[in-house]
N, C-alpha and C. Protein backbone atom coordinates (compact mmCIF):
# COMPACT_ATOMS: atom_id res chain seq x y z
N MET A 1 23.26 -12.93 13.32
CA MET A 1 23.70 -13.91 12.31
C MET A 1 23.22 -14.02 10.96
N ILE A 2 23.35 -13.33 9.94
CA ILE A 2 22.69 -12.99 8.81
C ILE A 2 22.86 -14.02 7.87
N ARG A 3 21.52 -14.62 7.57
CA ARG A 3 21.28 -15.91 6.37
C ARG A 3 20.89 -15.13 5.40
N THR A 4 20.51 -16.58 4.55
CA THR A 4 19.92 -16.13 3.45
C THR A 4 18.80 -17.10 3.28
N PHE A 5 17.92 -17.02 3.08
CA PHE A 5 16.46 -17.51 2.66
C PHE A 5 16.92 -19.43 2.82
N GLU A 6 17.76 -19.69 1.98
CA GLU A 6 17.74 -21.33 2.09
C GLU A 6 18.18 -21.58 3.46
N GLU A 7 19.14 -20.65 4.39
CA GLU A 7 19.43 -21.15 5.39
C GLU A 7 19.08 -21.01 6.29
N SER A 8 17.40 -20.43 5.87
CA SER A 8 17.15 -19.87 7.48
C SER A 8 16.31 -21.17 8.05
N GLY A 9 16.25 -22.36 7.79
CA GLY A 9 15.69 -23.40 8.60
C GLY A 9 14.50 -23.35 8.93
N LEU A 10 13.76 -22.93 7.40
CA LEU A 10 12.35 -23.02 7.43
C LEU A 10 11.65 -24.93 7.28
N PRO A 11 10.60 -24.62 7.42
CA PRO A 11 9.89 -26.08 7.36
C PRO A 11 10.00 -26.67 5.76
N ASP A 12 10.07 -27.64 5.64
CA ASP A 12 10.06 -28.31 4.37
C ASP A 12 8.62 -27.84 3.40
N ASP A 13 7.69 -27.46 3.94
CA ASP A 13 6.53 -27.31 3.12
C ASP A 13 6.38 -25.54 2.29
N VAL A 14 7.61 -25.16 3.04
CA VAL A 14 7.21 -23.59 2.44
C VAL A 14 8.29 -23.60 1.01
N ASP A 15 7.35 -23.26 0.14
CA ASP A 15 7.74 -22.85 -1.21
C ASP A 15 8.82 -22.10 -1.88
N VAL A 16 10.16 -21.81 -1.41
CA VAL A 16 11.04 -20.72 -1.82
C VAL A 16 11.73 -21.39 -3.37
N GLN A 17 11.03 -20.27 -4.26
CA GLN A 17 11.65 -19.79 -5.53
C GLN A 17 13.14 -19.51 -5.63
N PRO A 18 13.75 -20.13 -6.66
CA PRO A 18 14.86 -19.72 -6.84
C PRO A 18 14.92 -18.51 -7.43
N SER A 19 15.98 -17.81 -6.99
CA SER A 19 15.77 -16.25 -7.68
C SER A 19 17.02 -15.75 -8.87
N ARG A 20 16.70 -16.96 -9.76
CA ARG A 20 17.17 -16.68 -10.78
C ARG A 20 18.37 -16.40 -11.02
N GLY A 21 19.48 -16.88 -10.00
CA GLY A 21 20.93 -16.78 -10.31
C GLY A 21 21.53 -15.44 -9.43
N ARG A 22 20.76 -14.73 -8.56
CA ARG A 22 20.71 -13.77 -7.44
C ARG A 22 20.56 -14.52 -5.71
N GLN A 23 21.31 -13.99 -5.04
CA GLN A 23 21.17 -14.01 -4.03
C GLN A 23 20.49 -13.72 -3.16
N ALA A 24 19.55 -14.68 -2.24
CA ALA A 24 18.24 -14.36 -1.80
C ALA A 24 18.62 -12.84 -0.79
N PRO A 25 17.88 -11.88 -0.43
CA PRO A 25 18.41 -10.95 -0.27
C PRO A 25 18.45 -11.32 1.97
N PRO A 26 19.58 -10.75 2.63
CA PRO A 26 19.33 -11.48 3.74
C PRO A 26 18.28 -11.14 4.70
N CYS A 27 18.01 -12.31 5.68
CA CYS A 27 17.17 -12.19 6.66
C CYS A 27 18.17 -12.46 8.53
N LEU A 28 17.31 -12.24 9.58
CA LEU A 28 17.67 -12.30 10.36
C LEU A 28 16.91 -13.59 11.22
N ASN A 29 17.55 -14.96 11.72
CA ASN A 29 16.16 -15.25 12.74
C ASN A 29 16.36 -15.05 14.34
N ASP A 30 15.24 -14.77 14.85
CA ASP A 30 14.90 -14.92 15.84
C ASP A 30 15.53 -15.71 16.67
N GLN A 31 15.31 -15.69 18.09
CA GLN A 31 15.57 -17.09 19.01
C GLN A 31 14.22 -18.08 18.95
N ALA A 32 13.18 -17.79 18.80
CA ALA A 32 11.84 -18.55 18.59
C ALA A 32 12.11 -18.81 16.89
N GLY A 33 13.24 -18.90 16.04
CA GLY A 33 13.51 -19.40 14.72
C GLY A 33 12.48 -18.42 14.02
N ASN A 34 11.28 -17.44 14.30
CA ASN A 34 11.14 -16.20 13.01
C ASN A 34 12.08 -15.81 12.45
N VAL A 35 11.71 -15.52 10.91
CA VAL A 35 12.48 -15.00 10.18
C VAL A 35 12.42 -13.69 9.91
N ILE A 36 13.25 -12.49 10.40
CA ILE A 36 13.28 -11.11 10.18
C ILE A 36 14.25 -10.83 9.32
N ARG A 37 13.06 -9.75 8.32
CA ARG A 37 13.53 -9.69 6.75
C ARG A 37 13.99 -7.90 7.33
N VAL A 38 15.58 -7.44 6.81
CA VAL A 38 16.09 -6.62 7.33
C VAL A 38 15.89 -5.68 6.53
N ARG A 39 15.36 -5.56 5.42
CA ARG A 39 14.91 -4.72 4.00
C ARG A 39 13.54 -4.60 4.53
N ASP A 40 12.47 -5.00 5.03
CA ASP A 40 11.31 -4.69 5.57
C ASP A 40 11.73 -3.55 6.68
N LEU A 41 12.91 -4.23 7.84
CA LEU A 41 12.88 -2.97 8.85
C LEU A 41 13.29 -1.92 8.77
N TRP A 42 14.10 -1.72 7.72
CA TRP A 42 15.30 -0.59 7.09
C TRP A 42 13.92 0.30 6.64
N ALA A 43 13.12 0.01 5.50
CA ALA A 43 11.80 0.32 4.67
C ALA A 43 11.07 0.76 5.66
N GLY A 44 10.62 0.18 6.58
CA GLY A 44 9.36 0.71 7.60
C GLY A 44 9.98 1.60 8.55
N LEU A 45 11.19 1.92 8.70
CA LEU A 45 12.18 2.59 9.67
C LEU A 45 12.13 4.07 8.59
N LEU A 46 12.39 4.16 7.30
CA LEU A 46 12.33 5.01 6.32
C LEU A 46 11.08 5.59 6.52
N PHE A 47 9.90 4.71 6.29
CA PHE A 47 8.76 5.84 5.94
C PHE A 47 8.27 6.09 7.66
N VAL A 48 8.70 5.66 8.90
CA VAL A 48 8.53 6.16 9.69
C VAL A 48 8.98 7.60 9.81
N ALA A 49 9.73 7.48 9.74
CA ALA A 49 11.17 8.57 10.14
C ALA A 49 10.38 9.96 8.47
N LEU A 50 10.01 9.80 7.75
CA LEU A 50 9.52 10.62 6.80
C LEU A 50 8.41 11.38 7.16
N GLY A 51 7.12 9.88 7.44
CA GLY A 51 5.94 10.57 7.73
C GLY A 51 5.81 11.27 8.92
N SER A 52 6.82 10.91 9.98
CA SER A 52 6.96 11.49 11.33
C SER A 52 7.27 12.96 11.10
N SER A 53 8.52 13.45 10.36
CA SER A 53 8.94 14.72 9.66
C SER A 53 7.52 15.53 9.52
N ALA A 54 7.18 15.01 8.09
CA ALA A 54 5.99 15.41 7.53
C ALA A 54 5.10 15.97 8.33
N ALA A 55 4.53 14.91 9.53
CA ALA A 55 3.18 15.22 10.14
C ALA A 55 3.78 16.55 11.14
N ILE A 56 4.97 16.50 11.77
CA ILE A 56 5.24 17.38 12.66
C ILE A 56 5.71 18.64 12.10
N PHE A 57 6.40 18.27 10.90
CA PHE A 57 6.33 20.01 9.75
C PHE A 57 5.54 20.43 9.40
N ALA A 58 3.80 19.59 9.13
CA ALA A 58 2.75 20.53 8.81
C ALA A 58 1.93 21.01 10.09
N ALA A 59 2.45 20.21 11.50
CA ALA A 59 2.01 20.80 12.65
C ALA A 59 2.09 21.68 13.35
N LEU A 60 3.71 22.44 12.93
CA LEU A 60 4.31 23.30 13.50
C LEU A 60 4.17 24.80 12.66
N ASN A 61 4.08 24.15 11.28
CA ASN A 61 4.25 25.33 9.81
C ASN A 61 2.98 25.88 9.72
N TYR A 62 2.10 25.07 9.74
CA TYR A 62 0.72 25.38 9.29
C TYR A 62 -0.72 25.46 10.07
N ARG A 63 -1.64 25.98 10.06
CA ARG A 63 -2.76 25.94 10.89
C ARG A 63 -3.54 24.95 10.33
N LEU A 64 -3.59 24.22 11.45
CA LEU A 64 -4.64 22.53 11.34
C LEU A 64 -5.82 22.85 10.89
N GLY A 65 -6.87 24.19 11.99
CA GLY A 65 -8.30 24.07 11.81
C GLY A 65 -8.49 22.67 12.93
N THR A 66 -10.02 22.58 12.18
CA THR A 66 -10.84 21.24 12.80
C THR A 66 -11.11 20.86 11.50
N PRO A 67 -11.74 19.54 11.78
CA PRO A 67 -12.31 18.45 10.84
C PRO A 67 -13.34 18.92 10.21
N SER A 68 -13.90 20.17 10.34
CA SER A 68 -15.26 20.40 10.02
C SER A 68 -14.60 21.52 8.98
N SER A 69 -13.93 22.56 9.36
CA SER A 69 -12.97 23.66 8.90
C SER A 69 -11.39 23.62 8.82
N MET A 70 -11.03 22.10 7.95
CA MET A 70 -9.62 22.25 7.63
C MET A 70 -8.74 23.11 7.33
N GLY A 71 -7.33 23.83 8.42
CA GLY A 71 -5.99 24.30 7.76
C GLY A 71 -5.95 23.86 6.62
N PRO A 72 -4.64 24.74 6.31
CA PRO A 72 -3.34 24.21 5.46
C PRO A 72 -2.68 22.98 6.10
N GLY A 73 -2.82 22.95 6.80
CA GLY A 73 -1.76 21.72 7.52
C GLY A 73 -2.40 20.64 8.11
N PHE A 74 -3.72 20.64 8.18
CA PHE A 74 -4.77 19.34 8.38
C PHE A 74 -4.38 18.34 7.47
N PHE A 75 -4.45 18.17 6.12
CA PHE A 75 -4.29 17.00 5.48
C PHE A 75 -2.71 16.45 5.43
N PRO A 76 -2.21 17.16 5.64
CA PRO A 76 -0.22 16.89 5.13
C PRO A 76 -0.07 16.01 6.31
N MET A 77 -0.73 16.61 7.62
CA MET A 77 -0.25 15.98 8.60
C MET A 77 -0.83 14.97 8.77
N LEU A 78 -2.12 14.79 8.07
CA LEU A 78 -2.73 13.32 8.13
C LEU A 78 -1.90 12.39 7.51
N VAL A 79 -1.71 12.89 6.20
CA VAL A 79 -0.49 11.71 5.35
C VAL A 79 0.48 11.73 6.19
N GLY A 80 1.41 12.28 6.70
CA GLY A 80 2.83 12.42 7.42
C GLY A 80 2.06 11.17 8.21
N ILE A 81 0.91 10.98 9.14
CA ILE A 81 0.47 10.21 10.04
C ILE A 81 0.33 8.93 9.58
N ALA A 82 -0.34 8.86 8.58
CA ALA A 82 -0.82 7.41 7.54
C ALA A 82 0.70 6.63 6.95
N VAL A 83 1.34 7.66 6.85
CA VAL A 83 2.93 7.07 5.97
C VAL A 83 3.35 6.71 7.18
N ALA A 84 3.44 7.18 8.22
CA ALA A 84 4.58 6.79 9.45
C ALA A 84 3.65 5.35 9.98
N GLY A 85 2.43 4.98 9.79
CA GLY A 85 1.59 4.01 10.13
C GLY A 85 1.78 2.89 9.21
N THR A 86 1.97 3.05 8.21
CA THR A 86 2.43 2.14 7.14
C THR A 86 3.93 1.60 7.08
N GLY A 87 4.62 2.68 8.03
CA GLY A 87 5.86 2.26 8.38
C GLY A 87 5.95 1.70 9.34
N LEU A 88 5.47 1.82 9.94
CA LEU A 88 5.42 0.54 11.26
C LEU A 88 5.13 -0.80 11.28
N GLY A 89 4.15 -0.50 10.59
CA GLY A 89 3.30 -2.04 9.78
C GLY A 89 4.31 -2.56 8.97
N VAL A 90 4.87 -2.34 8.10
CA VAL A 90 5.79 -2.91 7.48
C VAL A 90 6.85 -3.19 8.33
N MET A 91 7.17 -2.71 9.29
CA MET A 91 8.58 -3.07 10.08
C MET A 91 7.80 -3.84 11.56
N ILE A 92 6.51 -3.98 11.89
CA ILE A 92 6.38 -5.57 12.55
C ILE A 92 6.08 -6.20 11.12
N GLN A 93 5.45 -6.24 9.87
CA GLN A 93 5.68 -7.56 9.09
C GLN A 93 6.92 -8.05 8.92
N GLY A 94 8.05 -7.67 9.12
CA GLY A 94 9.24 -7.74 8.93
C GLY A 94 9.74 -8.79 10.13
N LEU A 95 9.41 -8.23 11.30
CA LEU A 95 9.57 -8.80 12.62
C LEU A 95 9.03 -10.49 12.83
N VAL A 96 7.40 -10.41 12.36
CA VAL A 96 6.90 -11.39 12.88
C VAL A 96 6.55 -12.36 11.69
N SER A 97 6.95 -12.04 10.18
CA SER A 97 6.17 -12.91 9.27
C SER A 97 7.20 -14.55 9.32
N ARG A 98 6.65 -15.32 9.18
CA ARG A 98 7.66 -16.30 9.24
C ARG A 98 7.65 -17.04 7.24
N GLU A 99 6.50 -16.17 6.74
CA GLU A 99 6.51 -16.04 5.06
C GLU A 99 7.57 -15.65 4.20
N LEU A 100 7.82 -16.31 3.25
CA LEU A 100 8.90 -15.86 2.22
C LEU A 100 7.88 -14.95 0.48
N PHE A 101 8.62 -13.90 0.46
CA PHE A 101 7.39 -13.87 -0.92
C PHE A 101 8.76 -14.05 -2.03
N GLU A 102 8.40 -14.39 -2.88
CA GLU A 102 8.98 -14.95 -4.80
C GLU A 102 9.60 -13.83 -4.94
N ARG A 103 10.85 -13.73 -5.12
CA ARG A 103 11.76 -13.03 -5.46
C ARG A 103 11.09 -12.37 -7.08
N GLY A 104 11.44 -11.47 -7.84
CA GLY A 104 11.86 -11.05 -9.36
C GLY A 104 10.42 -11.49 -9.69
N GLY A 105 10.20 -11.52 -10.93
CA GLY A 105 8.81 -11.79 -11.68
C GLY A 105 7.60 -10.93 -11.25
N GLY A 106 7.10 -10.32 -11.76
CA GLY A 106 5.77 -9.76 -11.84
C GLY A 106 5.67 -8.12 -11.37
N SER A 107 7.27 -7.47 -10.94
CA SER A 107 7.20 -6.28 -10.64
C SER A 107 7.30 -5.35 -11.75
N LEU A 108 7.13 -5.89 -13.10
CA LEU A 108 7.16 -4.66 -14.24
C LEU A 108 5.50 -4.82 -14.64
N ARG A 109 5.01 -6.08 -14.60
CA ARG A 109 3.54 -6.01 -14.48
C ARG A 109 2.71 -5.17 -13.56
N ALA A 110 3.18 -5.04 -12.33
CA ALA A 110 2.41 -4.58 -11.31
C ALA A 110 2.89 -2.82 -11.71
N LEU A 111 3.82 -2.67 -11.99
CA LEU A 111 4.05 -1.58 -11.94
C LEU A 111 3.16 -0.92 -13.29
N VAL A 112 2.96 -1.62 -14.15
CA VAL A 112 2.50 -1.09 -15.79
C VAL A 112 0.67 -1.10 -15.22
N ALA A 113 0.06 -2.10 -14.58
CA ALA A 113 -1.14 -2.23 -14.31
C ALA A 113 -1.80 -1.22 -13.18
N VAL A 114 -0.52 -0.56 -12.29
CA VAL A 114 -1.36 0.24 -11.23
C VAL A 114 -1.23 1.72 -12.15
N THR A 115 -0.21 2.03 -12.83
CA THR A 115 0.03 2.81 -13.26
C THR A 115 -1.35 3.03 -14.31
N ALA A 116 -1.56 2.42 -15.08
CA ALA A 116 -2.66 2.01 -16.29
C ALA A 116 -3.78 2.76 -15.02
N GLY A 117 -3.89 1.86 -14.58
CA GLY A 117 -5.26 1.89 -13.83
C GLY A 117 -5.42 3.61 -13.00
N VAL A 118 -4.59 4.11 -12.62
CA VAL A 118 -4.39 5.35 -12.29
C VAL A 118 -4.88 6.19 -12.73
N LEU A 119 -4.26 5.88 -14.58
CA LEU A 119 -4.22 7.15 -15.70
C LEU A 119 -5.63 6.87 -16.04
N ALA A 120 -6.51 5.22 -15.88
CA ALA A 120 -7.73 5.43 -16.48
C ALA A 120 -8.55 6.23 -15.61
N PHE A 121 -8.35 6.37 -14.33
CA PHE A 121 -9.09 6.66 -13.20
C PHE A 121 -9.09 8.44 -13.60
N ALA A 122 -8.09 8.46 -13.71
CA ALA A 122 -7.49 10.40 -13.82
C ALA A 122 -8.61 10.50 -15.49
N ALA A 123 -8.44 9.60 -16.20
CA ALA A 123 -9.14 10.08 -17.74
C ALA A 123 -10.99 9.60 -17.77
N LEU A 124 -10.93 9.02 -16.77
CA LEU A 124 -12.77 8.75 -16.63
C LEU A 124 -13.24 9.31 -15.46
N LEU A 125 -12.90 10.02 -14.84
CA LEU A 125 -13.48 10.65 -13.75
C LEU A 125 -15.16 11.49 -13.74
N ARG A 126 -14.17 12.84 -14.82
CA ARG A 126 -15.49 13.55 -15.50
C ARG A 126 -15.99 12.92 -16.17
N PRO A 127 -16.08 12.26 -17.15
CA PRO A 127 -16.99 12.06 -18.09
C PRO A 127 -18.06 10.70 -17.77
N PHE A 128 -17.50 9.71 -16.78
CA PHE A 128 -18.04 8.99 -16.07
C PHE A 128 -18.46 8.84 -14.97
N GLY A 129 -18.33 9.90 -13.97
CA GLY A 129 -18.09 9.69 -12.75
C GLY A 129 -17.52 8.75 -11.80
N LEU A 130 -17.67 8.90 -10.47
CA LEU A 130 -16.82 8.18 -9.65
C LEU A 130 -16.82 7.10 -9.41
N ILE A 131 -18.70 6.00 -9.48
CA ILE A 131 -18.56 5.17 -9.17
C ILE A 131 -17.60 4.29 -10.36
N VAL A 132 -18.10 4.32 -11.63
CA VAL A 132 -17.08 3.53 -12.57
C VAL A 132 -15.88 4.17 -12.94
N SER A 133 -15.41 5.15 -12.55
CA SER A 133 -14.06 5.32 -12.63
C SER A 133 -12.99 4.26 -11.63
N VAL A 134 -13.79 4.48 -10.31
CA VAL A 134 -12.78 3.65 -9.20
C VAL A 134 -13.29 2.02 -9.24
N VAL A 135 -14.36 1.48 -9.76
CA VAL A 135 -14.46 0.08 -10.58
C VAL A 135 -13.45 -0.20 -11.34
N ILE A 136 -13.43 0.34 -12.40
CA ILE A 136 -12.60 0.37 -13.88
C ILE A 136 -10.78 0.82 -13.34
N LEU A 137 -10.36 1.66 -12.07
CA LEU A 137 -9.31 1.52 -11.58
C LEU A 137 -8.93 0.13 -10.91
N VAL A 138 -9.80 -0.20 -10.14
CA VAL A 138 -9.83 -1.29 -9.17
C VAL A 138 -9.16 -2.71 -10.12
N VAL A 139 -9.82 -2.89 -11.17
CA VAL A 139 -10.16 -4.05 -11.94
C VAL A 139 -9.07 -3.90 -12.73
N ILE A 140 -8.59 -2.73 -13.39
CA ILE A 140 -7.28 -2.73 -14.11
C ILE A 140 -6.03 -2.98 -12.90
N ALA A 141 -5.72 -2.31 -11.91
CA ALA A 141 -4.90 -2.40 -10.79
C ALA A 141 -4.79 -3.73 -10.57
N ARG A 142 -6.15 -4.42 -10.40
CA ARG A 142 -5.82 -6.11 -9.97
C ARG A 142 -5.17 -6.76 -10.90
N LEU A 143 -4.68 -6.53 -12.19
CA LEU A 143 -4.19 -7.03 -12.93
C LEU A 143 -2.88 -7.52 -12.56
N ALA A 144 -2.79 -6.66 -11.66
CA ALA A 144 -1.11 -6.62 -11.11
C ALA A 144 -0.65 -8.22 -10.93
N ARG A 145 -1.65 -8.79 -10.03
CA ARG A 145 -1.31 -9.47 -9.54
C ARG A 145 -2.77 -10.37 -9.47
N PRO A 146 -3.30 -11.15 -10.51
CA PRO A 146 -4.52 -11.83 -10.75
C PRO A 146 -4.69 -13.06 -10.03
N GLY A 147 -5.82 -12.49 -9.59
CA GLY A 147 -6.64 -13.41 -8.57
C GLY A 147 -8.09 -13.87 -8.82
N ARG A 148 -9.13 -13.92 -7.78
CA ARG A 148 -10.35 -14.48 -8.21
C ARG A 148 -11.14 -13.07 -8.62
N TRP A 149 -11.96 -13.15 -9.26
CA TRP A 149 -13.00 -12.13 -9.64
C TRP A 149 -13.53 -12.02 -8.83
N ARG A 150 -14.17 -12.97 -8.02
CA ARG A 150 -15.04 -12.62 -6.64
C ARG A 150 -14.52 -11.55 -5.75
N GLU A 151 -13.49 -11.93 -5.15
CA GLU A 151 -12.59 -10.87 -4.34
C GLU A 151 -12.58 -9.32 -5.12
N THR A 152 -12.23 -9.43 -6.55
CA THR A 152 -11.80 -8.11 -7.57
C THR A 152 -13.00 -7.25 -7.47
N ALA A 153 -14.81 -7.92 -7.49
CA ALA A 153 -15.76 -7.40 -7.60
C ALA A 153 -15.84 -6.73 -5.87
N VAL A 154 -15.46 -7.79 -4.70
CA VAL A 154 -15.93 -7.35 -3.45
C VAL A 154 -15.00 -5.85 -3.35
N LEU A 155 -13.76 -6.09 -3.69
CA LEU A 155 -12.93 -4.93 -3.35
C LEU A 155 -13.45 -3.79 -3.97
N ALA A 156 -13.28 -4.03 -5.40
CA ALA A 156 -13.90 -3.06 -6.12
C ALA A 156 -15.26 -1.97 -5.21
N ALA A 157 -16.31 -2.83 -4.75
CA ALA A 157 -17.85 -2.35 -4.27
C ALA A 157 -17.06 -1.67 -3.02
N VAL A 158 -16.04 -2.55 -2.20
CA VAL A 158 -15.90 -1.38 -0.99
C VAL A 158 -14.98 -0.58 -1.46
N ILE A 159 -14.53 -0.58 -2.13
CA ILE A 159 -13.45 0.72 -2.24
C ILE A 159 -14.38 2.02 -2.99
N THR A 160 -15.47 1.25 -3.67
CA THR A 160 -16.32 2.52 -4.40
C THR A 160 -17.07 3.06 -3.20
N LEU A 161 -17.57 2.40 -2.50
CA LEU A 161 -18.44 2.99 -0.92
C LEU A 161 -17.77 3.55 -0.10
N LEU A 162 -16.32 3.38 0.13
CA LEU A 162 -15.82 3.98 0.86
C LEU A 162 -15.07 5.72 0.19
N ALA A 163 -14.78 5.27 -1.20
CA ALA A 163 -14.84 7.03 -1.83
C ALA A 163 -15.95 7.64 -1.57
N ILE A 164 -17.37 6.88 -1.62
CA ILE A 164 -18.58 7.83 -2.13
C ILE A 164 -18.33 8.35 -0.66
N ALA A 165 -18.43 8.09 0.41
CA ALA A 165 -18.49 8.00 1.83
C ALA A 165 -17.51 9.47 1.93
N VAL A 166 -16.18 9.62 1.40
CA VAL A 166 -15.22 9.71 1.86
C VAL A 166 -15.56 11.92 1.02
N PHE A 167 -15.19 10.92 0.15
CA PHE A 167 -15.28 12.37 -0.85
C PHE A 167 -16.18 12.76 -1.03
N VAL A 168 -17.50 12.09 -1.17
CA VAL A 168 -18.88 13.26 -1.75
C VAL A 168 -19.53 13.47 -0.23
N PHE A 169 -19.51 12.73 0.71
CA PHE A 169 -20.38 12.93 1.83
C PHE A 169 -19.73 13.31 3.13
N GLY A 170 -18.41 12.71 3.10
CA GLY A 170 -17.46 13.66 4.34
C GLY A 170 -16.82 14.98 3.84
N LEU A 171 -16.08 15.02 2.80
CA LEU A 171 -15.34 16.39 1.94
C LEU A 171 -16.40 16.98 1.54
N GLN A 172 -17.22 16.48 1.15
CA GLN A 172 -18.40 17.55 0.24
C GLN A 172 -18.03 18.04 -1.05
N MET A 173 -17.15 17.28 -1.88
CA MET A 173 -16.30 17.51 -3.05
C MET A 173 -17.55 17.27 -4.31
N PRO A 174 -17.80 18.26 -4.88
CA PRO A 174 -18.44 18.24 -6.46
C PRO A 174 -18.02 17.16 -7.10
N LEU A 175 -17.88 16.24 -7.18
CA LEU A 175 -17.74 15.04 -8.14
C LEU A 175 -19.07 14.16 -8.35
N LYS A 176 -19.03 14.28 -9.84
CA LYS A 176 -20.22 13.58 -10.33
C LYS A 176 -20.26 11.86 -9.84
N VAL A 177 -21.35 11.26 -9.14
CA VAL A 177 -20.88 9.92 -8.91
C VAL A 177 -21.79 9.12 -10.03
N LEU A 178 -22.73 8.99 -10.94
CA LEU A 178 -23.16 8.44 -11.84
C LEU A 178 -22.73 8.66 -12.86
N PRO A 179 -22.82 8.17 -13.87
CA PRO A 179 -22.42 8.43 -15.35
C PRO A 179 -23.76 9.39 -16.02
N LEU A 180 -24.30 9.85 -15.17
CA LEU A 180 -26.20 10.39 -16.03
C LEU A 180 -25.76 12.01 -15.98
């Protein structure tokens, strides 16, 4: 039985914002009363299908190589696996989540903030190095959903360390780390 968010029988302490005259997306209730978000299921299924297809295509049509000597199909296969894994996560979240996300508002802000962050990263990587570029990317992208600055600082530090570990040490890319 398809129900709207308002008809889903959630507890009164869950804050559901009206959707500015639009009907909320349909959701299902399973036997335990959990809300199943149908759009998440379809989106997750699409990601699983596309990611699996890309991984299988890369594995069958290109030489994979080894992690230390990657062939032309190695990275596309890994990206396909990552996309399929993300889709699986979205599907699971759609099945087990009890929370509802506020509809509308913020989507344009998020689009602009993330796009500006990526463009800033691309423009600043060569002149300022990896550390400064990643930190600025995280700070600008975080404006999509403002939060605590302490969390932003920790996120910037973790992503910067991961970027250095993967690209400088792991893949041995000739990237300037510091702006010196």
